[in-house]
Amino acid sequence: MTGGGMSEVFRNTSTALPLPKGETLVARTTEANWQQTGTDGFLIKPLFEDTISGQRTWLMKVDPGALAPPHAHSETEQIYVIEGSFYDDENTYGPGDFAIRAPGVMHTGGSKDGAVVMLIYS
């Protein structure tokens, strides 16, 4: 499992862009397919992953009614809502909302009507 996690529920089985070494790398997200994560209703488009540092950036599509079971991440989790609405144990977030979660914080996550979010783990 890339990036590891304390009780990680989302898995990436594909290759994202690596850390650039003196160049500019580009992910054409509109041309990429959504990939299964191992958790029903949650799909990802991996953008960047550094296996050494564990940093990763993903786009995540959350299907209407999807709910992830309680889990925690060993990294800081940053969430930016692009479209739809996303909720966790504390709040509901809409387009343009940004949340940052400390490592080790147990939480759930889901969407009533569907959402697309950007996730950054560092």
C-alpha atoms as a PDB file:
ATOM      1  CA  MET A   1       0.000   0.000   0.000  1.00  0.00           C
ATOM      2  CA  THR A   2       1.612   3.204  -1.167  1.00  0.00           C
ATOM      3  CA  GLY A   3       1.952   5.876   1.511  1.00  0.00           C
ATOM      4  CA  GLY A   4       1.000   3.523   4.310  1.00  0.00           C
ATOM      5  CA  GLY A   5      -1.564   4.352   6.913  1.00  0.00           C
ATOM      6  CA  MET A   6      -2.644   3.559  10.431  1.00  0.00           C
ATOM      7  CA  SER A   7      -5.907   1.987   9.316  1.00  0.00           C
ATOM      8  CA  GLU A   8      -5.917   3.075   5.707  1.00  0.00           C
ATOM      9  CA  VAL A   9      -9.091   2.193   3.796  1.00  0.00           C
ATOM     10  CA  PHE A  10      -8.098   3.550   0.365  1.00  0.00           C
ATOM     11  CA  ARG A  11      -5.521   1.765  -1.764  1.00  0.00           C
ATOM     12  CA  ASN A  12      -3.800   2.831  -4.958  1.00  0.00           C
ATOM     13  CA  THR A  13      -2.651   0.080  -7.271  1.00  0.00           C
ATOM     14  CA  SER A  14      -1.490   2.266 -10.145  1.00  0.00           C
ATOM     15  CA  THR A  15       1.408   4.523 -10.919  1.00  0.00           C
ATOM     16  CA  ALA A  16       1.121   8.239 -10.190  1.00  0.00           C
ATOM     17  CA  LEU A  17       3.666  10.851 -11.162  1.00  0.00           C
ATOM     18  CA  PRO A  18       6.902  10.513  -9.171  1.00  0.00           C
ATOM     19  CA  LEU A  19       8.823  13.339  -7.561  1.00  0.00           C
ATOM     20  CA  PRO A  20      10.281  15.359 -10.482  1.00  0.00           C
ATOM     21  CA  LYS A  21      14.031  15.489 -10.828  1.00  0.00           C
ATOM     22  CA  GLY A  22      14.838  18.690 -12.739  1.00  0.00           C
ATOM     23  CA  GLU A  23      11.778  18.555 -14.973  1.00  0.00           C
ATOM     24  CA  THR A  24       8.060  19.291 -15.132  1.00  0.00           C
ATOM     25  CA  LEU A  25       5.750  16.283 -15.087  1.00  0.00           C
ATOM     26  CA  VAL A  26       2.090  16.485 -16.123  1.00  0.00           C
ATOM     27  CA  ALA A  27      -0.926  14.295 -15.343  1.00  0.00           C
ATOM     28  CA  ARG A  28      -3.754  14.642 -17.870  1.00  0.00           C
ATOM     29  CA  THR A  29      -6.573  13.958 -15.416  1.00  0.00           C
ATOM     30  CA  THR A  30      -9.397  14.316 -17.924  1.00  0.00           C
ATOM     31  CA  GLU A  31      -7.858  11.464 -19.924  1.00  0.00           C
ATOM     32  CA  ALA A  32      -7.342   9.159 -16.925  1.00  0.00           C
ATOM     33  CA  ASN A  33      -9.899   6.627 -15.717  1.00  0.00           C
ATOM     34  CA  TRP A  34     -11.183   6.574 -12.149  1.00  0.00           C
ATOM     35  CA  GLN A  35      -9.662   3.622 -10.257  1.00  0.00           C
ATOM     36  CA  GLN A  36     -11.059   1.415  -7.534  1.00  0.00           C
ATOM     37  CA  THR A  37      -9.717   1.996  -4.013  1.00  0.00           C
ATOM     38  CA  GLY A  38     -10.910  -1.143  -2.254  1.00  0.00           C
ATOM     39  CA  THR A  39     -13.677   0.819  -0.508  1.00  0.00           C
ATOM     40  CA  ASP A  40     -17.084   0.844  -2.211  1.00  0.00           C
ATOM     41  CA  GLY A  41     -18.128   4.213  -3.597  1.00  0.00           C
ATOM     42  CA  PHE A  42     -14.655   5.777  -3.502  1.00  0.00           C
ATOM     43  CA  LEU A  43     -12.621   6.103  -6.707  1.00  0.00           C
ATOM     44  CA  ILE A  44      -9.289   7.851  -7.236  1.00  0.00           C
ATOM     45  CA  LYS A  45      -7.093   9.385  -9.870  1.00  0.00           C
ATOM     46  CA  PRO A  46      -3.589   9.310  -8.363  1.00  0.00           C
ATOM     47  CA  LEU A  47      -1.704  12.451  -9.356  1.00  0.00           C
ATOM     48  CA  PHE A  48       1.556  12.319  -7.392  1.00  0.00           C
ATOM     49  CA  GLU A  49       3.158   9.803  -5.055  1.00  0.00           C
ATOM     50  CA  ASP A  50       6.615   9.787  -3.520  1.00  0.00           C
ATOM     51  CA  THR A  51       7.269   6.350  -2.066  1.00  0.00           C
ATOM     52  CA  ILE A  52      10.259   7.611  -0.074  1.00  0.00           C
ATOM     53  CA  SER A  53       8.506  10.440   1.800  1.00  0.00           C
ATOM     54  CA  GLY A  54       4.989   8.969   1.629  1.00  0.00           C
ATOM     55  CA  GLN A  55       3.630  12.193   0.140  1.00  0.00           C
ATOM     56  CA  ARG A  56       0.721  11.708  -2.244  1.00  0.00           C
ATOM     57  CA  THR A  57      -1.884  13.784  -4.041  1.00  0.00           C
ATOM     58  CA  TRP A  58      -5.080  12.223  -5.337  1.00  0.00           C
ATOM     59  CA  LEU A  59      -8.350  13.268  -6.874  1.00  0.00           C
ATOM     60  CA  MET A  60     -11.137  11.277  -5.235  1.00  0.00           C
ATOM     61  CA  LYS A  61     -14.656  10.779  -6.498  1.00  0.00           C
ATOM     62  CA  VAL A  62     -17.184   9.892  -3.815  1.00  0.00           C
ATOM     63  CA  ASP A  63     -20.401   8.308  -5.052  1.00  0.00           C
ATOM     64  CA  PRO A  64     -23.752   9.480  -3.640  1.00  0.00           C
ATOM     65  CA  GLY A  65     -24.452   7.662  -0.377  1.00  0.00           C
ATOM     66  CA  ALA A  66     -20.902   6.301  -0.009  1.00  0.00           C
ATOM     67  CA  LEU A  67     -19.458   6.150   3.511  1.00  0.00           C
ATOM     68  CA  ALA A  68     -15.933   5.080   4.481  1.00  0.00           C
ATOM     69  CA  PRO A  69     -15.579   3.141   7.744  1.00  0.00           C
ATOM     70  CA  PRO A  70     -13.667   4.694  10.650  1.00  0.00           C
ATOM     71  CA  HIS A  71      -9.982   5.015   9.802  1.00  0.00           C
ATOM     72  CA  ALA A  72      -6.918   7.169  10.432  1.00  0.00           C
ATOM     73  CA  HIS A  73      -3.897   8.187   8.393  1.00  0.00           C
ATOM     74  CA  SER A  74      -0.311   8.304   9.597  1.00  0.00           C
ATOM     75  CA  GLU A  75       0.150  11.489   7.554  1.00  0.00           C
ATOM     76  CA  THR A  76      -1.460  14.915   7.669  1.00  0.00           C
ATOM     77  CA  GLU A  77      -4.537  14.820   5.429  1.00  0.00           C
ATOM     78  CA  GLN A  78      -5.574  17.870   3.426  1.00  0.00           C
ATOM     79  CA  ILE A  79      -8.996  17.883   1.753  1.00  0.00           C
ATOM     80  CA  TYR A  80     -10.162  20.402  -0.847  1.00  0.00           C
ATOM     81  CA  VAL A  81     -13.707  20.027  -2.193  1.00  0.00           C
ATOM     82  CA  ILE A  82     -13.915  20.639  -5.935  1.00  0.00           C
ATOM     83  CA  GLU A  83     -17.560  19.759  -6.516  1.00  0.00           C
ATOM     84  CA  GLY A  84     -20.511  18.334  -4.587  1.00  0.00           C
ATOM     85  CA  SER A  85     -20.478  17.937  -0.830  1.00  0.00           C
ATOM     86  CA  PHE A  86     -18.357  15.808   1.460  1.00  0.00           C
ATOM     87  CA  TYR A  87     -18.781  15.142   5.177  1.00  0.00           C
ATOM     88  CA  ASP A  88     -16.875  13.647   8.087  1.00  0.00           C
ATOM     89  CA  ASP A  89     -17.602  13.229  11.794  1.00  0.00           C
ATOM     90  CA  GLU A  90     -17.295  16.969  12.401  1.00  0.00           C
ATOM     91  CA  ASN A  91     -18.532  18.947   9.375  1.00  0.00           C
ATOM     92  CA  THR A  92     -20.050  19.026   5.920  1.00  0.00           C
ATOM     93  CA  TYR A  93     -17.876  20.648   3.252  1.00  0.00           C
ATOM     94  CA  GLY A  94     -18.890  22.191  -0.080  1.00  0.00           C
ATOM     95  CA  PRO A  95     -17.073  23.433  -3.179  1.00  0.00           C
ATOM     96  CA  GLY A  96     -14.098  25.596  -2.226  1.00  0.00           C
ATOM     97  CA  ASP A  97     -13.961  24.336   1.376  1.00  0.00           C
ATOM     98  CA  PHE A  98     -10.609  23.166   2.697  1.00  0.00           C
ATOM     99  CA  ALA A  99      -9.941  20.996   5.756  1.00  0.00           C
ATOM    100  CA  ILE A 100      -6.698  19.714   7.251  1.00  0.00           C
ATOM    101  CA  ARG A 101      -6.594  16.745   9.640  1.00  0.00           C
ATOM    102  CA  ALA A 102      -3.786  15.822  12.012  1.00  0.00           C
ATOM    103  CA  PRO A 103      -2.123  12.419  11.721  1.00  0.00           C
ATOM    104  CA  GLY A 104      -3.805   9.676  13.732  1.00  0.00           C
ATOM    105  CA  VAL A 105      -7.259  11.298  13.979  1.00  0.00           C
ATOM    106  CA  MET A 106      -9.939   8.612  13.591  1.00  0.00           C
ATOM    107  CA  HIS A 107     -12.733   9.663  11.239  1.00  0.00           C
ATOM    108  CA  THR A 108     -15.250   8.528   8.683  1.00  0.00           C
ATOM    109  CA  GLY A 109     -16.002  10.274   5.418  1.00  0.00           C
ATOM    110  CA  GLY A 110     -18.764  10.238   2.875  1.00  0.00           C
ATOM    111  CA  SER A 111     -21.139  12.099   0.633  1.00  0.00           C
ATOM    112  CA  LYS A 112     -24.921  12.243   0.455  1.00  0.00           C
ATOM    113  CA  ASP A 113     -25.101  13.564  -3.119  1.00  0.00           C
ATOM    114  CA  GLY A 114     -21.611  12.787  -4.472  1.00  0.00           C
ATOM    115  CA  ALA A 115     -18.385  14.781  -4.500  1.00  0.00           C
ATOM    116  CA  VAL A 116     -14.989  15.247  -6.090  1.00  0.00           C
ATOM    117  CA  VAL A 117     -12.193  16.205  -3.698  1.00  0.00           C
ATOM    118  CA  MET A 118      -8.448  16.663  -3.876  1.00  0.00           C
ATOM    119  CA  LEU A 119      -6.559  14.831  -1.137  1.00  0.00           C
ATOM    120  CA  ILE A 120      -2.980  15.620  -0.154  1.00  0.00           C
ATOM    121  CA  TYR A 121      -1.160  13.411   2.327  1.00  0.00           C
ATOM    122  CA  SER A 122       2.155  14.604   3.734  1.00  0.00           C
END
